[in-house]
Amino acid sequence: MIFLIPRLSVLAFLLLLAGCSSLASNPMMQMLRRVSPQGDEFDSVELNPAYNYLRLSVDGNVIFIASDTSNVDSANVVSVWYSAGREVLRFQNGRLVAAVGLTSEWRSVLLPEMPAWSALAERKEPFRWTRIRDVMPGYHFGVRDDLLLRRIAPPDDSQLKLIDPHALTWFDERMVAQHNNADASSDMFPLARYAVDLRDAKEVVVYGEQCVAAKLCFSWQRWQASAGGKSE
């Protein structure tokens, strides 16, 4: 993955964050290293159904990251996702709560108790909330981001694949202020976006667009491990 930072300190933190003694011996990591298609071949590769997957797009490059987290779609579960390059991302209910091994890292993220996506979809006014994160490099700890989340119409410029965008409920999230960062003016992020499947009484975030720095953004999509690589 193009984010990788070749530092021993990062690798040590990856091992701690992943909660395993050896990423190298992890069967999921070994499987990901064998998955090396290019271009559109990514959308037809067969993946091991024992794991969950995200299709990650960064600056036109596509990779898969995988998770063996149980109940990965539960709102209260923090899911851990690995790339073949040993980058590690953590999500909770579609929101990024850690990113390690990237050129900009979120070592930890503190989220408040958030309303359900279905409740947010019914709001007439944007929902204002605050995220607190620890950021590297630069040792910025306790950075507070004030954010506005609102429901939007399905966009026509997303990276969503194989799903009708009108079948999902869409939100965008705008940063309105940042505190406790010595250089906050240079780190205001572009809009984040989320697409949530609210059909059949479920709440599954199936797609997102996220920035971890002003110029380091990616999109991700839940991806089904089956022949043909069909999206969930």
C-alpha atoms as a PDB file:
ATOM      1  CA  MET A   1       0.000   0.000   0.000  1.00  0.00           C
ATOM      2  CA  ILE A   2       1.338   3.436  -0.866  1.00  0.00           C
ATOM      3  CA  PHE A   3       0.982   4.773   2.704  1.00  0.00           C
ATOM      4  CA  LEU A   4       3.659   2.536   4.178  1.00  0.00           C
ATOM      5  CA  ILE A   5       6.323   4.023   6.470  1.00  0.00           C
ATOM      6  CA  PRO A   6       9.363   1.721   6.858  1.00  0.00           C
ATOM      7  CA  ARG A   7      10.007   2.370  10.550  1.00  0.00           C
ATOM      8  CA  LEU A   8      10.649  -0.211  13.268  1.00  0.00           C
ATOM      9  CA  SER A   9       8.684   1.928  15.703  1.00  0.00           C
ATOM     10  CA  VAL A  10       5.623   1.719  13.452  1.00  0.00           C
ATOM     11  CA  LEU A  11       5.930  -2.039  13.158  1.00  0.00           C
ATOM     12  CA  ALA A  12       6.103  -2.373  16.941  1.00  0.00           C
ATOM     13  CA  PHE A  13       2.981  -0.281  17.296  1.00  0.00           C
ATOM     14  CA  LEU A  14       1.226  -2.315  14.625  1.00  0.00           C
ATOM     15  CA  LEU A  15       1.835  -5.453  16.639  1.00  0.00           C
ATOM     16  CA  LEU A  16       0.395  -3.794  19.710  1.00  0.00           C
ATOM     17  CA  LEU A  17      -2.596  -2.368  17.862  1.00  0.00           C
ATOM     18  CA  ALA A  18      -3.410  -5.624  16.132  1.00  0.00           C
ATOM     19  CA  GLY A  19      -3.254  -7.536  19.399  1.00  0.00           C
ATOM     20  CA  CYS A  20      -1.363 -10.457  17.902  1.00  0.00           C
ATOM     21  CA  SER A  21       2.125 -11.812  18.452  1.00  0.00           C
ATOM     22  CA  SER A  22       3.124 -11.985  14.785  1.00  0.00           C
ATOM     23  CA  LEU A  23       1.488 -10.418  11.766  1.00  0.00           C
ATOM     24  CA  ALA A  24       3.863 -12.334   9.522  1.00  0.00           C
ATOM     25  CA  SER A  25       2.369 -15.659  10.600  1.00  0.00           C
ATOM     26  CA  ASN A  26      -1.225 -14.430  10.377  1.00  0.00           C
ATOM     27  CA  PRO A  27      -3.017 -16.532   7.683  1.00  0.00           C
ATOM     28  CA  MET A  28      -5.001 -13.474   6.639  1.00  0.00           C
ATOM     29  CA  MET A  29      -1.779 -11.522   6.005  1.00  0.00           C
ATOM     30  CA  GLN A  30      -0.341 -14.409   3.990  1.00  0.00           C
ATOM     31  CA  MET A  31      -3.519 -14.531   1.902  1.00  0.00           C
ATOM     32  CA  LEU A  32      -3.420 -10.771   1.235  1.00  0.00           C
ATOM     33  CA  ARG A  33       0.179 -10.973   0.006  1.00  0.00           C
ATOM     34  CA  ARG A  34      -0.927 -13.511  -2.594  1.00  0.00           C
ATOM     35  CA  VAL A  35      -3.632 -11.146  -3.862  1.00  0.00           C
ATOM     36  CA  SER A  36      -1.776  -8.858  -6.244  1.00  0.00           C
ATOM     37  CA  PRO A  37      -3.983  -8.185  -9.285  1.00  0.00           C
ATOM     38  CA  GLN A  38      -3.914  -4.818 -10.985  1.00  0.00           C
ATOM     39  CA  GLY A  39      -6.501  -2.501 -12.477  1.00  0.00           C
ATOM     40  CA  ASP A  40      -9.969  -3.933 -13.034  1.00  0.00           C
ATOM     41  CA  GLU A  41      -8.725  -7.388 -12.032  1.00  0.00           C
ATOM     42  CA  PHE A  42      -9.293  -6.297  -8.450  1.00  0.00           C
ATOM     43  CA  ASP A  43     -13.032  -6.448  -9.009  1.00  0.00           C
ATOM     44  CA  SER A  44     -12.977 -10.092 -10.057  1.00  0.00           C
ATOM     45  CA  VAL A  45     -10.390 -11.608  -7.715  1.00  0.00           C
ATOM     46  CA  GLU A  46     -11.503 -14.490  -5.508  1.00  0.00           C
ATOM     47  CA  LEU A  47     -10.948 -13.929  -1.800  1.00  0.00           C
ATOM     48  CA  ASN A  48     -11.086 -16.240   1.191  1.00  0.00           C
ATOM     49  CA  PRO A  49     -14.654 -16.105   2.586  1.00  0.00           C
ATOM     50  CA  ALA A  50     -13.326 -16.702   6.107  1.00  0.00           C
ATOM     51  CA  TYR A  51     -12.587 -12.968   6.330  1.00  0.00           C
ATOM     52  CA  ASN A  52     -14.329  -9.639   5.782  1.00  0.00           C
ATOM     53  CA  TYR A  53     -12.928  -7.211   3.217  1.00  0.00           C
ATOM     54  CA  LEU A  54     -12.798  -3.547   2.298  1.00  0.00           C
ATOM     55  CA  ARG A  55     -11.987  -2.409  -1.210  1.00  0.00           C
ATOM     56  CA  LEU A  56      -9.751   0.616  -0.636  1.00  0.00           C
ATOM     57  CA  SER A  57      -9.066   3.248  -3.304  1.00  0.00           C
ATOM     58  CA  VAL A  58      -6.227   5.751  -2.832  1.00  0.00           C
ATOM     59  CA  ASP A  59      -5.201   8.153  -5.603  1.00  0.00           C
ATOM     60  CA  GLY A  60      -6.474   5.741  -8.236  1.00  0.00           C
ATOM     61  CA  ASN A  61      -4.764   2.723  -6.676  1.00  0.00           C
ATOM     62  CA  VAL A  62      -6.948  -0.119  -5.381  1.00  0.00           C
ATOM     63  CA  ILE A  63      -6.100  -2.671  -2.712  1.00  0.00           C
ATOM     64  CA  PHE A  64      -8.001  -5.023  -0.420  1.00  0.00           C
ATOM     65  CA  ILE A  65      -7.741  -4.901   3.343  1.00  0.00           C
ATOM     66  CA  ALA A  66      -9.128  -7.712   5.475  1.00  0.00           C
ATOM     67  CA  SER A  67     -10.553  -8.275   8.938  1.00  0.00           C
ATOM     68  CA  ASP A  68     -11.244 -11.320  11.077  1.00  0.00           C
ATOM     69  CA  THR A  69     -13.212  -9.273  13.628  1.00  0.00           C
ATOM     70  CA  SER A  70     -16.397 -10.984  14.764  1.00  0.00           C
ATOM     71  CA  ASN A  71     -19.705  -9.086  14.428  1.00  0.00           C
ATOM     72  CA  VAL A  72     -17.914  -6.592  12.220  1.00  0.00           C
ATOM     73  CA  ASP A  73     -21.119  -4.631  11.498  1.00  0.00           C
ATOM     74  CA  SER A  74     -22.141  -4.135  15.124  1.00  0.00           C
ATOM     75  CA  ALA A  75     -22.294  -0.473  16.156  1.00  0.00           C
ATOM     76  CA  ASN A  76     -20.436  -1.261  19.381  1.00  0.00           C
ATOM     77  CA  VAL A  77     -17.625  -3.341  17.863  1.00  0.00           C
ATOM     78  CA  VAL A  78     -14.264  -1.877  16.830  1.00  0.00           C
ATOM     79  CA  SER A  79     -13.160  -3.770  13.712  1.00  0.00           C
ATOM     80  CA  VAL A  80      -9.481  -4.156  12.852  1.00  0.00           C
ATOM     81  CA  TRP A  81      -8.451  -4.233   9.169  1.00  0.00           C
ATOM     82  CA  TYR A  82      -5.025  -5.198   7.803  1.00  0.00           C
ATOM     83  CA  SER A  83      -3.310  -4.537   4.505  1.00  0.00           C
ATOM     84  CA  ALA A  84      -0.648  -6.762   2.970  1.00  0.00           C
ATOM     85  CA  GLY A  85       1.816  -3.962   3.698  1.00  0.00           C
ATOM     86  CA  ARG A  86       0.945  -4.171   7.418  1.00  0.00           C
ATOM     87  CA  GLU A  87      -0.975  -0.955   7.610  1.00  0.00           C
ATOM     88  CA  VAL A  88      -3.762  -1.257  10.163  1.00  0.00           C
ATOM     89  CA  LEU A  89      -7.079   0.619  10.178  1.00  0.00           C
ATOM     90  CA  ARG A  90      -9.735   0.468  12.883  1.00  0.00           C
ATOM     91  CA  PHE A  91     -13.375   1.388  12.342  1.00  0.00           C
ATOM     92  CA  GLN A  92     -16.397   1.612  14.592  1.00  0.00           C
ATOM     93  CA  ASN A  93     -19.784   1.804  12.890  1.00  0.00           C
ATOM     94  CA  GLY A  94     -18.178   3.234   9.756  1.00  0.00           C
ATOM     95  CA  ARG A  95     -16.019   5.817  11.531  1.00  0.00           C
ATOM     96  CA  LEU A  96     -12.232   5.636  11.569  1.00  0.00           C
ATOM     97  CA  VAL A  97     -10.879   5.235  15.117  1.00  0.00           C
ATOM     98  CA  ALA A  98      -7.213   4.419  14.352  1.00  0.00           C
ATOM     99  CA  ALA A  99      -4.865   4.382  11.359  1.00  0.00           C
ATOM    100  CA  VAL A 100      -1.268   3.187  11.713  1.00  0.00           C
ATOM    101  CA  GLY A 101       1.455   2.634   9.130  1.00  0.00           C
ATOM    102  CA  LEU A 102       0.394   5.618   6.997  1.00  0.00           C
ATOM    103  CA  THR A 103       2.415   8.747   6.334  1.00  0.00           C
ATOM    104  CA  SER A 104      -0.057  10.460   8.685  1.00  0.00           C
ATOM    105  CA  GLU A 105      -1.280   8.355  11.583  1.00  0.00           C
ATOM    106  CA  TRP A 106      -4.210   8.526  13.946  1.00  0.00           C
ATOM    107  CA  ARG A 107      -2.861   6.592  16.912  1.00  0.00           C
ATOM    108  CA  SER A 108      -6.208   6.706  18.714  1.00  0.00           C
ATOM    109  CA  VAL A 109      -9.587   8.389  18.342  1.00  0.00           C
ATOM    110  CA  LEU A 110     -12.160   9.092  21.044  1.00  0.00           C
ATOM    111  CA  LEU A 111     -15.750   9.179  19.788  1.00  0.00           C
ATOM    112  CA  PRO A 112     -18.749  10.377  21.786  1.00  0.00           C
ATOM    113  CA  GLU A 113     -21.877   8.266  22.010  1.00  0.00           C
ATOM    114  CA  MET A 114     -23.418   8.817  18.590  1.00  0.00           C
ATOM    115  CA  PRO A 115     -27.072   8.572  17.502  1.00  0.00           C
ATOM    116  CA  ALA A 116     -28.024   5.645  15.288  1.00  0.00           C
ATOM    117  CA  TRP A 117     -27.659   6.254  11.557  1.00  0.00           C
ATOM    118  CA  SER A 118     -31.422   5.836  11.183  1.00  0.00           C
ATOM    119  CA  ALA A 119     -31.972   8.631  13.709  1.00  0.00           C
ATOM    120  CA  LEU A 120     -29.432  10.853  11.951  1.00  0.00           C
ATOM    121  CA  ALA A 121     -31.254  10.243   8.670  1.00  0.00           C
ATOM    122  CA  GLU A 122     -34.432  11.694  10.183  1.00  0.00           C
ATOM    123  CA  ARG A 123     -32.834  14.885  11.501  1.00  0.00           C
ATOM    124  CA  LYS A 124     -33.741  18.137   9.771  1.00  0.00           C
ATOM    125  CA  GLU A 125     -30.711  19.979  11.136  1.00  0.00           C
ATOM    126  CA  PRO A 126     -27.046  18.906  10.876  1.00  0.00           C
ATOM    127  CA  PHE A 127     -25.690  16.999  13.846  1.00  0.00           C
ATOM    128  CA  ARG A 128     -22.687  18.677  15.494  1.00  0.00           C
ATOM    129  CA  TRP A 129     -20.193  16.489  17.305  1.00  0.00           C
ATOM    130  CA  THR A 130     -16.572  16.465  18.476  1.00  0.00           C
ATOM    131  CA  ARG A 131     -13.855  13.915  17.750  1.00  0.00           C
ATOM    132  CA  ILE A 132     -10.644  13.743  19.804  1.00  0.00           C
ATOM    133  CA  ARG A 133      -7.568  12.122  18.269  1.00  0.00           C
ATOM    134  CA  ASP A 134      -3.835  11.613  18.768  1.00  0.00           C
ATOM    135  CA  VAL A 135      -1.824  12.273  15.607  1.00  0.00           C
ATOM    136  CA  MET A 136       1.645  11.400  14.341  1.00  0.00           C
ATOM    137  CA  PRO A 137       4.058  12.643  13.145  1.00  0.00           C
ATOM    138  CA  GLY A 138       4.436  15.735  15.261  1.00  0.00           C
ATOM    139  CA  TYR A 139       3.156  14.316  18.541  1.00  0.00           C
ATOM    140  CA  HIS A 140      -0.192  16.108  18.428  1.00  0.00           C
ATOM    141  CA  PHE A 141      -2.252  14.664  21.258  1.00  0.00           C
ATOM    142  CA  GLY A 142      -5.838  15.509  22.130  1.00  0.00           C
ATOM    143  CA  VAL A 143      -6.600  17.234  18.809  1.00  0.00           C
ATOM    144  CA  ARG A 144     -10.288  18.177  18.853  1.00  0.00           C
ATOM    145  CA  ASP A 145     -12.251  18.289  15.597  1.00  0.00           C
ATOM    146  CA  ASP A 146     -15.679  19.941  15.568  1.00  0.00           C
ATOM    147  CA  LEU A 147     -17.762  18.287  12.843  1.00  0.00           C
ATOM    148  CA  LEU A 148     -21.164  18.749  11.209  1.00  0.00           C
ATOM    149  CA  LEU A 149     -22.878  15.619   9.896  1.00  0.00           C
ATOM    150  CA  ARG A 150     -25.928  15.825   7.632  1.00  0.00           C
ATOM    151  CA  ARG A 151     -27.942  13.663   5.281  1.00  0.00           C
ATOM    152  CA  ILE A 152     -27.410  14.369   1.580  1.00  0.00           C
ATOM    153  CA  ALA A 153     -28.736  13.181  -1.758  1.00  0.00           C
ATOM    154  CA  PRO A 154     -26.853  10.288  -3.392  1.00  0.00           C
ATOM    155  CA  PRO A 155     -23.792  11.825  -5.097  1.00  0.00           C
ATOM    156  CA  ASP A 156     -22.848  11.146  -8.707  1.00  0.00           C
ATOM    157  CA  ASP A 157     -19.076  11.282  -8.146  1.00  0.00           C
ATOM    158  CA  SER A 158     -18.414   8.529  -5.601  1.00  0.00           C
ATOM    159  CA  GLN A 159     -16.213   5.446  -6.026  1.00  0.00           C
ATOM    160  CA  LEU A 160     -19.100   3.108  -5.124  1.00  0.00           C
ATOM    161  CA  LYS A 161     -19.070  -0.108  -7.190  1.00  0.00           C
ATOM    162  CA  LEU A 162     -21.822  -2.581  -8.100  1.00  0.00           C
ATOM    163  CA  ILE A 163     -24.465  -0.986  -5.877  1.00  0.00           C
ATOM    164  CA  ASP A 164     -27.151   1.506  -6.885  1.00  0.00           C
ATOM    165  CA  PRO A 165     -26.282   4.625  -4.840  1.00  0.00           C
ATOM    166  CA  HIS A 166     -30.004   5.397  -4.546  1.00  0.00           C
ATOM    167  CA  ALA A 167     -30.466   2.187  -2.550  1.00  0.00           C
ATOM    168  CA  LEU A 168     -28.318   3.668   0.235  1.00  0.00           C
ATOM    169  CA  THR A 169     -28.707   6.591   2.642  1.00  0.00           C
ATOM    170  CA  TRP A 170     -25.919   9.149   2.264  1.00  0.00           C
ATOM    171  CA  PHE A 171     -24.301  11.596   4.675  1.00  0.00           C
ATOM    172  CA  ASP A 172     -21.479  14.076   4.493  1.00  0.00           C
ATOM    173  CA  GLU A 173     -19.380  15.371   7.362  1.00  0.00           C
ATOM    174  CA  ARG A 174     -17.690  18.767   7.380  1.00  0.00           C
ATOM    175  CA  MET A 175     -14.969  19.928   9.746  1.00  0.00           C
ATOM    176  CA  VAL A 176     -15.882  23.354  11.101  1.00  0.00           C
ATOM    177  CA  ALA A 177     -13.097  23.887  13.661  1.00  0.00           C
ATOM    178  CA  GLN A 178      -9.996  22.245  15.054  1.00  0.00           C
ATOM    179  CA  HIS A 179      -8.372  22.762  18.449  1.00  0.00           C
ATOM    180  CA  ASN A 180      -5.190  21.725  20.301  1.00  0.00           C
ATOM    181  CA  ASN A 181      -3.119  21.446  17.137  1.00  0.00           C
ATOM    182  CA  ALA A 182      -0.088  23.700  16.754  1.00  0.00           C
ATOM    183  CA  ASP A 183      -0.644  23.868  12.988  1.00  0.00           C
ATOM    184  CA  ALA A 184      -4.417  23.414  12.755  1.00  0.00           C
ATOM    185  CA  SER A 185      -4.776  25.842   9.837  1.00  0.00           C
ATOM    186  CA  SER A 186      -2.953  23.411   7.549  1.00  0.00           C
ATOM    187  CA  ASP A 187      -4.939  20.366   8.579  1.00  0.00           C
ATOM    188  CA  MET A 188      -8.594  21.160   7.823  1.00  0.00           C
ATOM    189  CA  PHE A 189      -9.916  18.126   5.979  1.00  0.00           C
ATOM    190  CA  PRO A 190     -12.100  17.802   2.882  1.00  0.00           C
ATOM    191  CA  LEU A 191     -15.616  16.458   3.358  1.00  0.00           C
ATOM    192  CA  ALA A 192     -16.027  12.903   4.583  1.00  0.00           C
ATOM    193  CA  ARG A 193     -18.936  10.867   3.202  1.00  0.00           C
ATOM    194  CA  TYR A 194     -20.771   7.761   4.360  1.00  0.00           C
ATOM    195  CA  ALA A 195     -23.268   5.500   2.598  1.00  0.00           C
ATOM    196  CA  VAL A 196     -25.429   3.409   4.909  1.00  0.00           C
ATOM    197  CA  ASP A 197     -27.705   0.495   4.066  1.00  0.00           C
ATOM    198  CA  LEU A 198     -30.849   1.073   6.146  1.00  0.00           C
ATOM    199  CA  ARG A 199     -32.977  -1.465   4.298  1.00  0.00           C
ATOM    200  CA  ASP A 200     -34.648  -4.364   6.098  1.00  0.00           C
ATOM    201  CA  ALA A 201     -34.173  -2.772   9.545  1.00  0.00           C
ATOM    202  CA  LYS A 202     -30.374  -2.948   9.364  1.00  0.00           C
ATOM    203  CA  GLU A 203     -27.743  -0.239   9.733  1.00  0.00           C
ATOM    204  CA  VAL A 204     -24.592  -1.167   7.831  1.00  0.00           C
ATOM    205  CA  VAL A 205     -22.107   1.415   6.609  1.00  0.00           C
ATOM    206  CA  VAL A 206     -21.051  -0.049   3.262  1.00  0.00           C
ATOM    207  CA  TYR A 207     -19.035   2.843   1.813  1.00  0.00           C
ATOM    208  CA  GLY A 208     -17.050   5.800   3.078  1.00  0.00           C
ATOM    209  CA  GLU A 209     -14.666   8.549   2.042  1.00  0.00           C
ATOM    210  CA  GLN A 210     -12.159   9.557   4.692  1.00  0.00           C
ATOM    211  CA  CYS A 211      -9.150  11.834   5.073  1.00  0.00           C
ATOM    212  CA  VAL A 212      -6.486  11.351   7.731  1.00  0.00           C
ATOM    213  CA  ALA A 213      -4.694  14.542   6.642  1.00  0.00           C
ATOM    214  CA  ALA A 214      -5.592  17.411   4.358  1.00  0.00           C
ATOM    215  CA  LYS A 215      -3.875  15.681   1.414  1.00  0.00           C
ATOM    216  CA  LEU A 216      -4.197  12.035   2.413  1.00  0.00           C
ATOM    217  CA  CYS A 217      -7.656  10.696   1.584  1.00  0.00           C
ATOM    218  CA  PHE A 218      -9.132   7.360   0.564  1.00  0.00           C
ATOM    219  CA  SER A 219     -12.466   5.716  -0.155  1.00  0.00           C
ATOM    220  CA  TRP A 220     -13.467   2.294   1.105  1.00  0.00           C
ATOM    221  CA  GLN A 221     -16.266  -0.148   0.410  1.00  0.00           C
ATOM    222  CA  ARG A 222     -17.372  -3.386   2.032  1.00  0.00           C
ATOM    223  CA  TRP A 223     -16.527  -6.168  -0.419  1.00  0.00           C
ATOM    224  CA  GLN A 224     -17.884  -9.681  -0.566  1.00  0.00           C
ATOM    225  CA  ALA A 225     -15.393 -12.545  -0.733  1.00  0.00           C
ATOM    226  CA  SER A 226     -16.935 -14.533  -3.570  1.00  0.00           C
ATOM    227  CA  ALA A 227     -16.207 -15.438  -7.150  1.00  0.00           C
ATOM    228  CA  GLY A 228     -16.594 -12.294  -9.196  1.00  0.00           C
ATOM    229  CA  GLY A 229     -15.817 -10.065  -6.231  1.00  0.00           C
ATOM    230  CA  LYS A 230     -19.368  -8.783  -5.911  1.00  0.00           C
ATOM    231  CA  SER A 231     -19.909  -6.009  -3.436  1.00  0.00           C
ATOM    232  CA  GLU A 232     -22.161  -6.472  -0.433  1.00  0.00           C
END
